[in-house]
PDB file of N, CA and C in Angstrom:
ATOM      1  N   MET A   1      92.320  15.430 184.481  1.00  0.00           N
ATOM      2  CA  MET A   1      91.702  16.264 183.703  1.00  0.00           C
ATOM      3  C   MET A   1      90.839  15.480 182.770  1.00  0.00           C
ATOM      4  N   LEU A   2      91.052  14.486 182.173  1.00  0.00           N
ATOM      5  CA  LEU A   2      90.038  13.462 181.234  1.00  0.00           C
ATOM      6  C   LEU A   2      89.202  12.931 182.410  1.00  0.00           C
ATOM      7  N   LEU A   3      89.541  12.649 183.465  1.00  0.00           N
ATOM      8  CA  LEU A   3      88.296  12.106 184.417  1.00  0.00           C
ATOM      9  C   LEU A   3      87.391  13.312 184.768  1.00  0.00           C
ATOM     10  N   LYS A   4      88.126  14.365 185.077  1.00  0.00           N
ATOM     11  CA  LYS A   4      86.989  15.650 185.274  1.00  0.00           C
ATOM     12  C   LYS A   4      86.038  16.012 184.133  1.00  0.00           C
ATOM     13  N   HIS A   5      86.353  15.623 183.058  1.00  0.00           N
ATOM     14  CA  HIS A   5      85.275  16.160 181.884  1.00  0.00           C
ATOM     15  C   HIS A   5      84.866  14.841 181.065  1.00  0.00           C
ATOM     16  N   LEU A   6      85.093  13.739 181.509  1.00  0.00           N
ATOM     17  CA  LEU A   6      84.574  12.699 180.795  1.00  0.00           C
ATOM     18  C   LEU A   6      83.073  12.705 180.404  1.00  0.00           C
ATOM     19  N   ASP A   7      82.440  13.190 181.325  1.00  0.00           N
ATOM     20  CA  ASP A   7      80.743  13.440 180.753  1.00  0.00           C
ATOM     21  C   ASP A   7      80.593  14.019 179.873  1.00  0.00           C
ATOM     22  N   GLY A   8      81.193  15.199 179.492  1.00  0.00           N
ATOM     23  CA  GLY A   8      81.080  16.017 178.542  1.00  0.00           C
ATOM     24  C   GLY A   8      81.642  15.680 177.302  1.00  0.00           C
ATOM     25  N   ILE A   9      82.853  14.832 177.545  1.00  0.00           N
ATOM     26  CA  ILE A   9      83.564  13.958 176.181  1.00  0.00           C
ATOM     27  C   ILE A   9      82.683  13.099 175.722  1.00  0.00           C
ATOM     28  N   LEU A  10      82.154  12.095 176.735  1.00  0.00           N
ATOM     29  CA  LEU A  10      81.001  11.268 176.230  1.00  0.00           C
ATOM     30  C   LEU A  10      79.784  11.661 175.555  1.00  0.00           C
ATOM     31  N   ASN A  11      79.448  12.750 176.013  1.00  0.00           N
ATOM     32  CA  ASN A  11      78.063  13.341 175.171  1.00  0.00           C
ATOM     33  C   ASN A  11      78.592  13.819 173.924  1.00  0.00           C
ATOM     34  N   TYR A  12      79.595  14.544 173.744  1.00  0.00           N
ATOM     35  CA  TYR A  12      80.313  14.708 172.447  1.00  0.00           C
ATOM     36  C   TYR A  12      80.297  13.528 171.337  1.00  0.00           C
ATOM     37  N   CYS A  13      80.776  12.348 171.770  1.00  0.00           N
ATOM     38  CA  CYS A  13      80.986  11.334 171.147  1.00  0.00           C
ATOM     39  C   CYS A  13      79.604  10.836 170.854  1.00  0.00           C
ATOM     40  N   ARG A  14      78.234  11.072 171.513  1.00  0.00           N
ATOM     41  CA  ARG A  14      77.078  10.364 171.077  1.00  0.00           C
ATOM     42  C   ARG A  14      76.483  11.073 170.431  1.00  0.00           C
ATOM     43  N   THR A  15      76.435  12.586 170.456  1.00  0.00           N
ATOM     44  CA  THR A  15      75.832  13.436 169.608  1.00  0.00           C
ATOM     45  C   THR A  15      76.155  14.043 168.524  1.00  0.00           C
ATOM     46  N   LYS A  16      77.563  14.493 168.608  1.00  0.00           N
ATOM     47  CA  LYS A  16      78.253  14.771 167.517  1.00  0.00           C
ATOM     48  C   LYS A  16      77.674  16.377 166.916  1.00  0.00           C
ATOM     49  N   VAL A  17      77.786  17.220 167.930  1.00  0.00           N
ATOM     50  CA  VAL A  17      77.303  18.382 167.672  1.00  0.00           C
ATOM     51  C   VAL A  17      78.512  18.901 167.230  1.00  0.00           C
ATOM     52  N   PRO A  18      78.456  19.914 165.939  1.00  0.00           N
ATOM     53  CA  PRO A  18      80.137  20.557 165.500  1.00  0.00           C
ATOM     54  C   PRO A  18      80.059  21.644 166.636  1.00  0.00           C
ATOM     55  N   LEU A  19      81.283  21.906 166.681  1.00  0.00           N
ATOM     56  CA  LEU A  19      81.743  22.998 167.737  1.00  0.00           C
ATOM     57  C   LEU A  19      81.588  24.342 166.902  1.00  0.00           C
ATOM     58  N   GLY A  20      80.854  24.542 165.596  1.00  0.00           N
ATOM     59  CA  GLY A  20      80.723  25.930 165.034  1.00  0.00           C
ATOM     60  C   GLY A  20      79.204  25.875 165.484  1.00  0.00           C
ATOM     61  N   VAL A  21      78.427  25.178 165.337  1.00  0.00           N
ATOM     62  CA  VAL A  21      77.095  25.168 166.214  1.00  0.00           C
ATOM     63  C   VAL A  21      77.096  25.767 167.637  1.00  0.00           C
ATOM     64  N   VAL A  22      77.801  25.116 168.528  1.00  0.00           N
ATOM     65  CA  VAL A  22      77.995  25.673 169.964  1.00  0.00           C
ATOM     66  C   VAL A  22      78.475  26.907 169.962  1.00  0.00           C
ATOM     67  N   GLU A  23      79.305  27.536 169.251  1.00  0.00           N
ATOM     68  CA  GLU A  23      79.685  28.704 169.284  1.00  0.00           C
ATOM     69  C   GLU A  23      78.846  29.719 168.771  1.00  0.00           C
ATOM     70  N   ALA A  24      77.886  29.417 167.452  1.00  0.00           N
ATOM     71  CA  ALA A  24      76.667  30.107 167.094  1.00  0.00           C
ATOM     72  C   ALA A  24      75.870  30.425 168.084  1.00  0.00           C
ATOM     73  N   VAL A  25      75.620  29.512 168.689  1.00  0.00           N
ATOM     74  CA  VAL A  25      74.573  29.225 170.180  1.00  0.00           C
ATOM     75  C   VAL A  25      74.810  30.185 171.033  1.00  0.00           C
ATOM     76  N   SER A  26      76.134  30.240 171.533  1.00  0.00           N
ATOM     77  CA  SER A  26      76.976  31.068 172.516  1.00  0.00           C
ATOM     78  C   SER A  26      76.846  32.497 172.025  1.00  0.00           C
ATOM     79  N   SER A  27      77.170  32.566 170.905  1.00  0.00           N
ATOM     80  CA  SER A  27      77.116  34.140 170.548  1.00  0.00           C
ATOM     81  C   SER A  27      75.860  34.748 170.379  1.00  0.00           C
ATOM     82  N   ASN A  28      74.668  33.656 170.012  1.00  0.00           N
ATOM     83  CA  ASN A  28      73.636  34.389 169.787  1.00  0.00           C
ATOM     84  C   ASN A  28      73.161  34.689 171.351  1.00  0.00           C
ATOM     85  N   ILE A  29      73.307  33.734 172.279  1.00  0.00           N
ATOM     86  CA  ILE A  29      72.989  34.446 173.794  1.00  0.00           C
ATOM     87  C   ILE A  29      73.610  35.435 174.062  1.00  0.00           C
ATOM     88  N   LYS A  30      74.860  35.536 174.109  1.00  0.00           N
ATOM     89  CA  LYS A  30      75.637  36.629 174.331  1.00  0.00           C
ATOM     90  C   LYS A  30      75.004  37.917 173.833  1.00  0.00           C
ATOM     91  N   THR A  31      74.804  38.065 172.353  1.00  0.00           N
ATOM     92  CA  THR A  31      74.032  39.313 171.672  1.00  0.00           C
ATOM     93  C   THR A  31      72.668  39.536 172.268  1.00  0.00           C
ATOM     94  N   LEU A  32      72.256  38.412 172.767  1.00  0.00           N
ATOM     95  CA  LEU A  32      70.778  38.603 173.522  1.00  0.00           C
ATOM     96  C   LEU A  32      70.791  39.194 174.695  1.00  0.00           C
ATOM     97  N   LEU A  33      71.819  38.879 175.459  1.00  0.00           N
ATOM     98  CA  LEU A  33      71.885  39.545 176.876  1.00  0.00           C
ATOM     99  C   LEU A  33      72.608  41.223 176.629  1.00  0.00           C
ATOM    100  N   ARG A  34      73.577  41.043 175.871  1.00  0.00           N
ATOM    101  CA  ARG A  34      73.665  42.517 175.494  1.00  0.00           C
ATOM    102  C   ARG A  34      72.688  43.410 174.616  1.00  0.00           C
ATOM    103  N   ARG A  35      71.678  43.171 174.117  1.00  0.00           N
ATOM    104  CA  ARG A  35      70.556  43.723 173.452  1.00  0.00           C
ATOM    105  C   ARG A  35      69.629  43.966 174.426  1.00  0.00           C
ATOM    106  N   GLY A  36      69.377  42.960 175.260  1.00  0.00           N
ATOM    107  CA  GLY A  36      68.348  42.960 176.188  1.00  0.00           C
ATOM    108  C   GLY A  36      68.311  44.042 177.403  1.00  0.00           C
ATOM    109  N   ARG A  37      69.514  44.272 177.843  1.00  0.00           N
ATOM    110  CA  ARG A  37      70.078  44.899 178.922  1.00  0.00           C
ATOM    111  C   ARG A  37      69.131  44.904 180.118  1.00  0.00           C
ATOM    112  N   GLY A  38      69.163  43.660 180.383  1.00  0.00           N
ATOM    113  CA  GLY A  38      68.626  42.878 181.717  1.00  0.00           C
ATOM    114  C   GLY A  38      67.119  42.389 181.536  1.00  0.00           C
ATOM    115  N   TYR A  39      66.758  41.413 182.007  1.00  0.00           N
ATOM    116  CA  TYR A  39      65.515  40.580 182.057  1.00  0.00           C
ATOM    117  C   TYR A  39      64.870  40.544 183.596  1.00  0.00           C
ATOM    118  N   ARG A  40      63.713  40.420 183.475  1.00  0.00           N
ATOM    119  CA  ARG A  40      63.138  40.205 184.707  1.00  0.00           C
ATOM    120  C   ARG A  40      63.721  39.107 185.797  1.00  0.00           C
ATOM    121  N   ASN A  41      63.481  38.017 184.964  1.00  0.00           N
ATOM    122  CA  ASN A  41      64.104  36.734 185.755  1.00  0.00           C
ATOM    123  C   ASN A  41      64.817  36.135 184.543  1.00  0.00           C
ATOM    124  N   LEU A  42      65.420  34.837 185.080  1.00  0.00           N
ATOM    125  CA  LEU A  42      66.090  33.832 184.497  1.00  0.00           C
ATOM    126  C   LEU A  42      65.172  33.090 183.490  1.00  0.00           C
ATOM    127  N   ASN A  43      63.971  32.602 183.990  1.00  0.00           N
ATOM    128  CA  ASN A  43      62.892  32.015 182.899  1.00  0.00           C
ATOM    129  C   ASN A  43      62.551  32.713 181.893  1.00  0.00           C
ATOM    130  N   TYR A  44      62.327  34.125 181.900  1.00  0.00           N
ATOM    131  CA  TYR A  44      62.326  34.729 180.534  1.00  0.00           C
ATOM    132  C   TYR A  44      63.460  34.935 179.690  1.00  0.00           C
ATOM    133  N   LEU A  45      64.830  34.973 180.328  1.00  0.00           N
ATOM    134  CA  LEU A  45      65.856  35.095 179.513  1.00  0.00           C
ATOM    135  C   LEU A  45      65.862  33.893 178.743  1.00  0.00           C
ATOM    136  N   LEU A  46      65.505  32.449 179.299  1.00  0.00           N
ATOM    137  CA  LEU A  46      65.537  31.245 178.991  1.00  0.00           C
ATOM    138  C   LEU A  46      64.675  31.023 177.446  1.00  0.00           C
ATOM    139  N   LEU A  47      63.465  31.703 177.763  1.00  0.00           N
ATOM    140  CA  LEU A  47      62.474  31.549 176.826  1.00  0.00           C
ATOM    141  C   LEU A  47      62.732  32.251 175.821  1.00  0.00           C
ATOM    142  N   LYS A  48      63.153  33.615 176.121  1.00  0.00           N
ATOM    143  CA  LYS A  48      63.713  34.273 175.080  1.00  0.00           C
ATOM    144  C   LYS A  48      64.738  33.704 174.164  1.00  0.00           C
ATOM    145  N   ALA A  49      66.118  32.863 174.811  1.00  0.00           N
ATOM    146  CA  ALA A  49      67.149  32.056 173.835  1.00  0.00           C
ATOM    147  C   ALA A  49      66.217  31.067 173.228  1.00  0.00           C
ATOM    148  N   GLN A  50      65.684  30.113 173.816  1.00  0.00           N
ATOM    149  CA  GLN A  50      64.758  29.085 173.165  1.00  0.00           C
ATOM    150  C   GLN A  50      64.135  29.748 171.713  1.00  0.00           C
ATOM    151  N   ARG A  51      63.337  30.766 172.077  1.00  0.00           N
ATOM    152  CA  ARG A  51      62.602  31.434 170.831  1.00  0.00           C
ATOM    153  C   ARG A  51      63.543  31.821 169.501  1.00  0.00           C
ATOM    154  N   LEU A  52      64.735  32.627 169.895  1.00  0.00           N
ATOM    155  CA  LEU A  52      65.751  32.447 169.297  1.00  0.00           C
ATOM    156  C   LEU A  52      66.484  31.371 168.204  1.00  0.00           C
ATOM    157  N   ALA A  53      66.597  30.323 169.164  1.00  0.00           N
ATOM    158  CA  ALA A  53      67.190  29.090 168.616  1.00  0.00           C
ATOM    159  C   ALA A  53      66.001  28.497 167.797  1.00  0.00           C
ATOM    160  N   ALA A  54      64.764  28.456 168.053  1.00  0.00           N
ATOM    161  CA  ALA A  54      63.905  27.762 167.272  1.00  0.00           C
ATOM    162  C   ALA A  54      63.677  28.650 165.778  1.00  0.00           C
ATOM    163  N   THR A  55      63.581  29.744 166.157  1.00  0.00           N
ATOM    164  CA  THR A  55      63.715  30.610 164.733  1.00  0.00           C
ATOM    165  C   THR A  55      64.786  30.476 163.965  1.00  0.00           C
ATOM    166  N   LYS A  56      66.093  30.197 164.155  1.00  0.00           N
ATOM    167  CA  LYS A  56      67.072  29.931 163.334  1.00  0.00           C
ATOM    168  C   LYS A  56      66.982  28.742 163.104  1.00  0.00           C
ATOM    169  N   ALA A  57      66.436  27.898 163.614  1.00  0.00           N
ATOM    170  CA  ALA A  57      66.703  26.451 163.449  1.00  0.00           C
ATOM    171  C   ALA A  57      65.544  26.022 162.258  1.00  0.00           C
ATOM    172  N   GLN A  58      64.379  26.806 162.426  1.00  0.00           N
ATOM    173  CA  GLN A  58      63.290  26.539 161.464  1.00  0.00           C
ATOM    174  C   GLN A  58      64.096  27.216 160.048  1.00  0.00           C
ATOM    175  N   TRP A  59      64.429  28.413 160.374  1.00  0.00           N
ATOM    176  CA  TRP A  59      64.812  29.100 158.887  1.00  0.00           C
ATOM    177  C   TRP A  59      65.985  28.119 158.315  1.00  0.00           C
ATOM    178  N   ILE A  60      67.096  27.613 159.002  1.00  0.00           N
ATOM    179  CA  ILE A  60      67.932  26.758 158.081  1.00  0.00           C
ATOM    180  C   ILE A  60      67.570  25.456 158.175  1.00  0.00           C
ATOM    181  N   ALA A  61      66.611  24.781 158.507  1.00  0.00           N
ATOM    182  CA  ALA A  61      66.170  23.319 158.290  1.00  0.00           C
ATOM    183  C   ALA A  61      66.143  23.295 156.977  1.00  0.00           C
ATOM    184  N   PRO A  62      66.648  21.874 156.615  1.00  0.00           N
ATOM    185  CA  PRO A  62      66.650  21.472 155.106  1.00  0.00           C
ATOM    186  C   PRO A  62      65.138  21.065 154.707  1.00  0.00           C
ATOM    187  N   GLN A  63      65.052  21.220 153.426  1.00  0.00           N
ATOM    188  CA  GLN A  63      63.455  20.970 153.175  1.00  0.00           C
ATOM    189  C   GLN A  63      63.697  19.669 152.390  1.00  0.00           C
ATOM    190  N   LYS A  64      62.694  18.687 152.582  1.00  0.00           N
ATOM    191  CA  LYS A  64      62.506  17.006 152.097  1.00  0.00           C
ATOM    192  C   LYS A  64      62.133  17.826 150.623  1.00  0.00           C
ATOM    193  N   ALA A  65      62.724  16.478 149.853  1.00  0.00           N
ATOM    194  CA  ALA A  65      62.669  16.449 148.570  1.00  0.00           C
ATOM    195  C   ALA A  65      61.075  16.062 148.263  1.00  0.00           C
ATOM    196  N   ALA A  66      60.484  16.507 147.368  1.00  0.00           N
ATOM    197  CA  ALA A  66      59.171  16.459 146.582  1.00  0.00           C
ATOM    198  C   ALA A  66      59.355  15.235 146.013  1.00  0.00           C
TER     199      ALA A  66
END
């Protein structure tokens, strides 16, 4: 089983993305799908997901000290 998931395990070790962030993104995409009730195509859905993630990332981005 470890060999099957080795790529994912190594990617986690390289980037150290907290699982809470992954769950939040997953939840946001699920909410987007429920709220949208269908999209024209997959590219449009991905565009909406990227826009949602960028909006949230800009909102929570730490400010540099002046």
